[in-house]
Amino acid sequence: MKSVASVLRSKPNQTVHTIAPDASVRTAIELMARHGVGSLVVFDAGQIVGMLTERDYARKVVLLGRVSDATPVRDIMTSPVLYVRPDQTNDQCMALMTESRIRHLPVVDNGKMIGLISIGDLVKDIISEQRFMIEQLENYITGR
């Protein structure tokens, strides 16, 4: 099973988008839309303090009738933040995401965020591994 570090290396775009906890939710949603991402890591004084996702927005702003311009990110972000280390396996990440019902995990090494992994990244990697295994078995069976 591959490690989180190898999945991060295989990502074509490793940019992690961040926002401050005092920014408005509207600013956060505009940032997500501009970059085509579903989450932002919330940083304060160089530390991860929360995660903000489209789900947070839908459930904690839209459904509660809050105003995006007047609501700071800190009021709706998810905290504390679960994270993984680069040496953890894809299986461990999938289990954590499934148990916690989350779709994004920061990757932290020696107290520093080095990337972000999504459920989509893991699924893509698992599919790639399965395709490789199928090709190897087909080659074995056909004698190629």
C-alpha atoms as a PDB file:
ATOM      1  CA  MET A   1       0.000   0.000   0.000  1.00  0.00           C
ATOM      2  CA  LYS A   2       1.299   3.423  -0.954  1.00  0.00           C
ATOM      3  CA  SER A   3       2.044   6.146   1.531  1.00  0.00           C
ATOM      4  CA  VAL A   4       0.492   9.585   1.708  1.00  0.00           C
ATOM      5  CA  ALA A   5       3.852  11.036   0.628  1.00  0.00           C
ATOM      6  CA  SER A   6       3.715   9.121  -2.668  1.00  0.00           C
ATOM      7  CA  VAL A   7       0.146  10.271  -3.315  1.00  0.00           C
ATOM      8  CA  LEU A   8       1.201  13.876  -2.696  1.00  0.00           C
ATOM      9  CA  ARG A   9       4.108  13.518  -5.136  1.00  0.00           C
ATOM     10  CA  SER A  10       1.762  12.224  -7.826  1.00  0.00           C
ATOM     11  CA  LYS A  11      -0.593  15.205  -7.579  1.00  0.00           C
ATOM     12  CA  PRO A  12      -0.117  17.576 -10.530  1.00  0.00           C
ATOM     13  CA  ASN A  13      -1.089  20.596  -8.431  1.00  0.00           C
ATOM     14  CA  GLN A  14       0.128  20.570  -4.850  1.00  0.00           C
ATOM     15  CA  THR A  15      -1.021  24.072  -3.975  1.00  0.00           C
ATOM     16  CA  VAL A  16      -2.891  24.251  -0.675  1.00  0.00           C
ATOM     17  CA  HIS A  17      -5.210  27.228  -0.420  1.00  0.00           C
ATOM     18  CA  THR A  18      -5.463  28.865   2.975  1.00  0.00           C
ATOM     19  CA  ILE A  19      -7.419  31.619   4.653  1.00  0.00           C
ATOM     20  CA  ALA A  20      -7.304  33.528   7.932  1.00  0.00           C
ATOM     21  CA  PRO A  21      -9.979  32.911  10.586  1.00  0.00           C
ATOM     22  CA  ASP A  22     -11.051  36.558  10.579  1.00  0.00           C
ATOM     23  CA  ALA A  23     -11.710  36.654   6.815  1.00  0.00           C
ATOM     24  CA  SER A  24     -15.337  36.756   5.766  1.00  0.00           C
ATOM     25  CA  VAL A  25     -17.065  33.610   4.639  1.00  0.00           C
ATOM     26  CA  ARG A  26     -17.829  35.354   1.340  1.00  0.00           C
ATOM     27  CA  THR A  27     -14.104  35.864   0.730  1.00  0.00           C
ATOM     28  CA  ALA A  28     -13.528  32.183   1.492  1.00  0.00           C
ATOM     29  CA  ILE A  29     -16.255  30.997  -0.893  1.00  0.00           C
ATOM     30  CA  GLU A  30     -14.943  33.301  -3.634  1.00  0.00           C
ATOM     31  CA  LEU A  31     -11.452  31.853  -3.111  1.00  0.00           C
ATOM     32  CA  MET A  32     -12.763  28.284  -3.330  1.00  0.00           C
ATOM     33  CA  ALA A  33     -14.691  29.109  -6.519  1.00  0.00           C
ATOM     34  CA  ARG A  34     -11.718  30.884  -8.117  1.00  0.00           C
ATOM     35  CA  HIS A  35      -9.419  27.923  -7.529  1.00  0.00           C
ATOM     36  CA  GLY A  36     -11.982  25.160  -8.045  1.00  0.00           C
ATOM     37  CA  VAL A  37     -11.468  23.625  -4.616  1.00  0.00           C
ATOM     38  CA  GLY A  38     -13.896  22.381  -1.991  1.00  0.00           C
ATOM     39  CA  SER A  39     -11.953  23.313   1.120  1.00  0.00           C
ATOM     40  CA  LEU A  40      -9.525  25.784   2.621  1.00  0.00           C
ATOM     41  CA  VAL A  41      -7.105  25.306   5.471  1.00  0.00           C
ATOM     42  CA  VAL A  42      -7.570  28.009   8.095  1.00  0.00           C
ATOM     43  CA  PHE A  43      -4.236  29.380   9.344  1.00  0.00           C
ATOM     44  CA  ASP A  44      -3.580  31.738  12.222  1.00  0.00           C
ATOM     45  CA  ALA A  45      -0.071  32.757  13.326  1.00  0.00           C
ATOM     46  CA  GLY A  46       1.444  29.990  11.192  1.00  0.00           C
ATOM     47  CA  GLN A  47      -0.688  27.244  12.743  1.00  0.00           C
ATOM     48  CA  ILE A  48      -3.585  25.212  11.365  1.00  0.00           C
ATOM     49  CA  VAL A  49      -6.631  26.234  13.386  1.00  0.00           C
ATOM     50  CA  GLY A  50      -9.443  24.902  11.231  1.00  0.00           C
ATOM     51  CA  MET A  51     -10.787  23.624   7.944  1.00  0.00           C
ATOM     52  CA  LEU A  52     -13.495  25.326   5.956  1.00  0.00           C
ATOM     53  CA  THR A  53     -15.473  23.274   3.449  1.00  0.00           C
ATOM     54  CA  GLU A  54     -18.411  23.790   1.141  1.00  0.00           C
ATOM     55  CA  ARG A  55     -20.343  21.564   3.534  1.00  0.00           C
ATOM     56  CA  ASP A  56     -19.600  23.977   6.403  1.00  0.00           C
ATOM     57  CA  TYR A  57     -20.924  26.819   4.274  1.00  0.00           C
ATOM     58  CA  ALA A  58     -24.104  24.998   3.288  1.00  0.00           C
ATOM     59  CA  ARG A  59     -24.938  23.856   6.804  1.00  0.00           C
ATOM     60  CA  LYS A  60     -23.718  26.755   8.917  1.00  0.00           C
ATOM     61  CA  VAL A  61     -24.438  29.765   6.720  1.00  0.00           C
ATOM     62  CA  VAL A  62     -27.084  28.996   4.116  1.00  0.00           C
ATOM     63  CA  LEU A  63     -29.342  26.826   6.285  1.00  0.00           C
ATOM     64  CA  LEU A  64     -29.028  29.124   9.304  1.00  0.00           C
ATOM     65  CA  GLY A  65     -29.734  32.300   7.324  1.00  0.00           C
ATOM     66  CA  ARG A  66     -26.401  33.920   8.111  1.00  0.00           C
ATOM     67  CA  VAL A  67     -24.923  36.644   5.919  1.00  0.00           C
ATOM     68  CA  SER A  68     -21.685  35.580   4.182  1.00  0.00           C
ATOM     69  CA  ASP A  69     -20.198  39.082   4.226  1.00  0.00           C
ATOM     70  CA  ALA A  70     -20.797  39.493   7.952  1.00  0.00           C
ATOM     71  CA  THR A  71     -19.781  36.028   9.124  1.00  0.00           C
ATOM     72  CA  PRO A  72     -16.108  35.347   9.863  1.00  0.00           C
ATOM     73  CA  VAL A  73     -14.579  32.029   8.860  1.00  0.00           C
ATOM     74  CA  ARG A  74     -13.833  31.201  12.526  1.00  0.00           C
ATOM     75  CA  ASP A  75     -17.587  31.020  13.235  1.00  0.00           C
ATOM     76  CA  ILE A  76     -18.206  28.164  10.803  1.00  0.00           C
ATOM     77  CA  MET A  77     -14.862  26.371  10.377  1.00  0.00           C
ATOM     78  CA  THR A  78     -14.357  22.827  11.594  1.00  0.00           C
ATOM     79  CA  SER A  79     -11.944  22.619  14.498  1.00  0.00           C
ATOM     80  CA  PRO A  80      -9.908  20.857  15.765  1.00  0.00           C
ATOM     81  CA  VAL A  81      -8.413  19.615  12.512  1.00  0.00           C
ATOM     82  CA  LEU A  82      -7.639  15.977  11.876  1.00  0.00           C
ATOM     83  CA  TYR A  83      -4.463  15.418   9.882  1.00  0.00           C
ATOM     84  CA  VAL A  84      -2.168  12.653   8.665  1.00  0.00           C
ATOM     85  CA  ARG A  85       1.581  12.164   8.451  1.00  0.00           C
ATOM     86  CA  PRO A  86       3.356  11.500   5.143  1.00  0.00           C
ATOM     87  CA  ASP A  87       4.315   7.964   6.213  1.00  0.00           C
ATOM     88  CA  GLN A  88       0.733   6.858   6.794  1.00  0.00           C
ATOM     89  CA  THR A  89      -0.902   4.576   4.233  1.00  0.00           C
ATOM     90  CA  ASN A  90      -3.792   5.259   1.899  1.00  0.00           C
ATOM     91  CA  ASP A  91      -5.820   2.681   3.830  1.00  0.00           C
ATOM     92  CA  GLN A  92      -5.269   4.565   7.076  1.00  0.00           C
ATOM     93  CA  CYS A  93      -6.347   7.826   5.416  1.00  0.00           C
ATOM     94  CA  MET A  94      -9.446   6.247   3.896  1.00  0.00           C
ATOM     95  CA  ALA A  95     -10.409   4.765   7.267  1.00  0.00           C
ATOM     96  CA  LEU A  96      -9.976   8.109   9.038  1.00  0.00           C
ATOM     97  CA  MET A  97     -11.951   9.966   6.365  1.00  0.00           C
ATOM     98  CA  THR A  98     -14.740   7.385   6.426  1.00  0.00           C
ATOM     99  CA  GLU A  99     -14.987   7.264  10.233  1.00  0.00           C
ATOM    100  CA  SER A 100     -14.882  11.053  10.557  1.00  0.00           C
ATOM    101  CA  ARG A 101     -17.035  11.761   7.493  1.00  0.00           C
ATOM    102  CA  ILE A 102     -14.525  14.215   6.061  1.00  0.00           C
ATOM    103  CA  ARG A 103     -13.125  14.618   2.564  1.00  0.00           C
ATOM    104  CA  HIS A 104      -9.880  16.527   3.109  1.00  0.00           C
ATOM    105  CA  LEU A 105      -6.889  15.965   5.390  1.00  0.00           C
ATOM    106  CA  PRO A 106      -3.851  18.192   5.803  1.00  0.00           C
ATOM    107  CA  VAL A 107      -0.558  16.308   5.676  1.00  0.00           C
ATOM    108  CA  VAL A 108       1.708  17.421   8.508  1.00  0.00           C
ATOM    109  CA  ASP A 109       5.385  16.543   8.929  1.00  0.00           C
ATOM    110  CA  ASN A 110       7.337  17.704  11.992  1.00  0.00           C
ATOM    111  CA  GLY A 111       4.633  20.225  12.854  1.00  0.00           C
ATOM    112  CA  LYS A 112       4.573  21.774   9.369  1.00  0.00           C
ATOM    113  CA  MET A 113       1.842  21.342   6.771  1.00  0.00           C
ATOM    114  CA  ILE A 114       3.355  19.890   3.597  1.00  0.00           C
ATOM    115  CA  GLY A 115       0.179  19.259   1.610  1.00  0.00           C
ATOM    116  CA  LEU A 116      -3.483  18.384   1.532  1.00  0.00           C
ATOM    117  CA  ILE A 117      -4.974  15.073   0.519  1.00  0.00           C
ATOM    118  CA  SER A 118      -8.551  14.561  -0.594  1.00  0.00           C
ATOM    119  CA  ILE A 119     -10.722  11.501  -0.857  1.00  0.00           C
ATOM    120  CA  GLY A 120     -10.534  11.995  -4.629  1.00  0.00           C
ATOM    121  CA  ASP A 121      -6.727  11.794  -4.525  1.00  0.00           C
ATOM    122  CA  LEU A 122      -6.922   8.511  -2.638  1.00  0.00           C
ATOM    123  CA  VAL A 123      -9.570   6.995  -4.903  1.00  0.00           C
ATOM    124  CA  LYS A 124      -7.580   7.970  -8.001  1.00  0.00           C
ATOM    125  CA  ASP A 125      -4.481   6.311  -6.565  1.00  0.00           C
ATOM    126  CA  ILE A 126      -6.351   3.147  -5.583  1.00  0.00           C
ATOM    127  CA  ILE A 127      -7.855   2.868  -9.084  1.00  0.00           C
ATOM    128  CA  SER A 128      -4.388   3.302 -10.597  1.00  0.00           C
ATOM    129  CA  GLU A 129      -2.999   0.520  -8.391  1.00  0.00           C
ATOM    130  CA  GLN A 130      -5.873  -1.780  -9.328  1.00  0.00           C
ATOM    131  CA  ARG A 131      -5.379  -1.126 -13.057  1.00  0.00           C
ATOM    132  CA  PHE A 132      -1.695  -1.974 -12.727  1.00  0.00           C
ATOM    133  CA  MET A 133      -2.488  -5.191 -10.880  1.00  0.00           C
ATOM    134  CA  ILE A 134      -5.053  -6.207 -13.518  1.00  0.00           C
ATOM    135  CA  GLU A 135      -2.533  -5.574 -16.306  1.00  0.00           C
ATOM    136  CA  GLN A 136       0.077  -7.665 -14.497  1.00  0.00           C
ATOM    137  CA  LEU A 137      -2.373 -10.535 -14.014  1.00  0.00           C
ATOM    138  CA  GLU A 138      -3.472 -10.364 -17.656  1.00  0.00           C
ATOM    139  CA  ASN A 139       0.174 -10.481 -18.758  1.00  0.00           C
ATOM    140  CA  TYR A 140       0.796 -13.451 -16.491  1.00  0.00           C
ATOM    141  CA  ILE A 141      -2.253 -15.331 -17.747  1.00  0.00           C
ATOM    142  CA  THR A 142      -1.558 -14.684 -21.422  1.00  0.00           C
ATOM    143  CA  GLY A 143       2.187 -15.289 -21.065  1.00  0.00           C
ATOM    144  CA  ARG A 144       3.226 -11.841 -22.306  1.00  0.00           C
END
